């Protein structure tokens, strides 16, 4: 199937031409895709945090939410001392 390249504005205009129930279906389909991509990103990030915490001698799954927050804050600001 050939790929048709449209601008974002063109796609929006095409969706606006659909009957209201089809507009809703299109938006729900897009939202479902976005939700799945969000879940994929969260799983990837958690895996990376587990790996990095292990490298720092910590066990991500045994850390409390507060400990995780401090750890992430330390990672984000490793150029300055935080919570140590």
C-alpha atoms as a PDB file:
ATOM      1  CA  UNK A   1       0.000   0.000   0.000  1.00  0.00           C
ATOM      2  CA  UNK A   2       1.465   3.394  -0.938  1.00  0.00           C
ATOM      3  CA  UNK A   3       2.179   5.847   1.843  1.00  0.00           C
ATOM      4  CA  UNK A   4       0.509   9.240   1.604  1.00  0.00           C
ATOM      5  CA  UNK A   5       2.374  12.015   3.371  1.00  0.00           C
ATOM      6  CA  UNK A   6       0.148  14.693   4.904  1.00  0.00           C
ATOM      7  CA  UNK A   7       0.850  17.573   7.213  1.00  0.00           C
ATOM      8  CA  UNK A   8      -0.651  17.579  10.677  1.00  0.00           C
ATOM      9  CA  UNK A   9      -3.067  20.313   9.599  1.00  0.00           C
ATOM     10  CA  UNK A  10      -4.210  18.231   6.629  1.00  0.00           C
ATOM     11  CA  UNK A  11      -4.861  15.221   8.845  1.00  0.00           C
ATOM     12  CA  UNK A  12      -6.879  17.348  11.259  1.00  0.00           C
ATOM     13  CA  UNK A  13      -8.927  18.763   8.409  1.00  0.00           C
ATOM     14  CA  UNK A  14      -9.616  15.272   7.071  1.00  0.00           C
ATOM     15  CA  UNK A  15     -10.745  14.054  10.486  1.00  0.00           C
ATOM     16  CA  UNK A  16     -13.025  17.075  10.817  1.00  0.00           C
ATOM     17  CA  UNK A  17     -14.761  15.983   7.605  1.00  0.00           C
ATOM     18  CA  UNK A  18     -15.785  12.679   9.174  1.00  0.00           C
ATOM     19  CA  UNK A  19     -19.173  12.232  10.815  1.00  0.00           C
ATOM     20  CA  UNK A  20     -18.985  12.842  14.588  1.00  0.00           C
ATOM     21  CA  UNK A  21     -19.069   9.130  15.501  1.00  0.00           C
ATOM     22  CA  UNK A  22     -16.150   8.413  13.121  1.00  0.00           C
ATOM     23  CA  UNK A  23     -14.225  11.397  14.501  1.00  0.00           C
ATOM     24  CA  UNK A  24     -14.627   9.905  17.957  1.00  0.00           C
ATOM     25  CA  UNK A  25     -13.494   6.483  16.726  1.00  0.00           C
ATOM     26  CA  UNK A  26     -10.420   8.037  15.091  1.00  0.00           C
ATOM     27  CA  UNK A  27      -9.525   9.927  18.265  1.00  0.00           C
ATOM     28  CA  UNK A  28      -9.999   6.835  20.422  1.00  0.00           C
ATOM     29  CA  UNK A  29      -7.751   4.818  18.095  1.00  0.00           C
ATOM     30  CA  UNK A  30      -5.057   7.498  18.317  1.00  0.00           C
ATOM     31  CA  UNK A  31      -5.399   7.696  22.101  1.00  0.00           C
ATOM     32  CA  UNK A  32      -5.079   3.919  22.427  1.00  0.00           C
ATOM     33  CA  UNK A  33      -1.869   3.995  20.416  1.00  0.00           C
ATOM     34  CA  UNK A  34      -0.505   6.810  22.541  1.00  0.00           C
ATOM     35  CA  UNK A  35      -1.362   4.928  25.735  1.00  0.00           C
ATOM     36  CA  UNK A  36       0.498   1.838  24.508  1.00  0.00           C
ATOM     37  CA  UNK A  37       3.561   3.880  23.553  1.00  0.00           C
ATOM     38  CA  UNK A  38       3.454   5.525  26.995  1.00  0.00           C
ATOM     39  CA  UNK A  39       3.354   2.113  28.680  1.00  0.00           C
ATOM     40  CA  UNK A  40       6.276   0.952  26.522  1.00  0.00           C
ATOM     41  CA  UNK A  41       8.299   4.028  27.550  1.00  0.00           C
ATOM     42  CA  UNK A  42       7.500   3.465  31.222  1.00  0.00           C
ATOM     43  CA  UNK A  43       8.606  -0.176  31.051  1.00  0.00           C
ATOM     44  CA  UNK A  44      11.815   0.819  29.274  1.00  0.00           C
ATOM     45  CA  UNK A  45      12.541   3.536  31.856  1.00  0.00           C
ATOM     46  CA  UNK A  46      11.918   1.161  34.767  1.00  0.00           C
ATOM     47  CA  UNK A  47      14.323  -1.339  33.251  1.00  0.00           C
ATOM     48  CA  UNK A  48      16.970   1.341  32.894  1.00  0.00           C
ATOM     49  CA  UNK A  49      16.426   2.510  36.482  1.00  0.00           C
ATOM     50  CA  UNK A  50      16.781  -1.072  37.736  1.00  0.00           C
ATOM     51  CA  UNK A  51      20.031  -1.440  35.787  1.00  0.00           C
ATOM     52  CA  UNK A  52      21.479   1.872  36.995  1.00  0.00           C
ATOM     53  CA  UNK A  53      20.443   1.263  40.605  1.00  0.00           C
ATOM     54  CA  UNK A  54      22.161  -2.143  40.473  1.00  0.00           C
ATOM     55  CA  UNK A  55      25.304  -0.430  39.162  1.00  0.00           C
ATOM     56  CA  UNK A  56      25.127   1.785  42.260  1.00  0.00           C
ATOM     57  CA  UNK A  57      24.748  -1.216  44.578  1.00  0.00           C
ATOM     58  CA  UNK A  58      21.016  -0.714  45.151  1.00  0.00           C
ATOM     59  CA  UNK A  59      17.974  -2.911  44.514  1.00  0.00           C
ATOM     60  CA  UNK A  60      15.249  -0.888  42.798  1.00  0.00           C
ATOM     61  CA  UNK A  61      12.456  -3.281  43.775  1.00  0.00           C
ATOM     62  CA  UNK A  62      13.389  -3.116  47.462  1.00  0.00           C
ATOM     63  CA  UNK A  63      13.566   0.689  47.561  1.00  0.00           C
ATOM     64  CA  UNK A  64      10.693   2.754  48.955  1.00  0.00           C
ATOM     65  CA  UNK A  65       9.141   5.488  46.810  1.00  0.00           C
ATOM     66  CA  UNK A  66      11.050   8.085  48.846  1.00  0.00           C
ATOM     67  CA  UNK A  67      14.346   6.241  48.307  1.00  0.00           C
ATOM     68  CA  UNK A  68      13.628   6.023  44.583  1.00  0.00           C
ATOM     69  CA  UNK A  69      12.927   9.759  44.424  1.00  0.00           C
ATOM     70  CA  UNK A  70      16.192  10.561  46.198  1.00  0.00           C
ATOM     71  CA  UNK A  71      18.089   8.179  43.918  1.00  0.00           C
ATOM     72  CA  UNK A  72      16.609   9.734  40.774  1.00  0.00           C
ATOM     73  CA  UNK A  73      17.254  13.236  42.109  1.00  0.00           C
ATOM     74  CA  UNK A  74      20.871  12.255  42.744  1.00  0.00           C
ATOM     75  CA  UNK A  75      21.154  10.892  39.202  1.00  0.00           C
ATOM     76  CA  UNK A  76      19.689  14.042  37.696  1.00  0.00           C
ATOM     77  CA  UNK A  77      21.954  16.269  39.759  1.00  0.00           C
ATOM     78  CA  UNK A  78      25.071  14.107  39.941  1.00  0.00           C
ATOM     79  CA  UNK A  79      27.190  17.212  39.319  1.00  0.00           C
ATOM     80  CA  UNK A  80      26.325  18.425  42.828  1.00  0.00           C
ATOM     81  CA  UNK A  81      25.849  16.642  46.142  1.00  0.00           C
ATOM     82  CA  UNK A  82      22.206  15.761  46.863  1.00  0.00           C
ATOM     83  CA  UNK A  83      20.826  13.956  49.868  1.00  0.00           C
ATOM     84  CA  UNK A  84      24.180  12.335  50.664  1.00  0.00           C
END
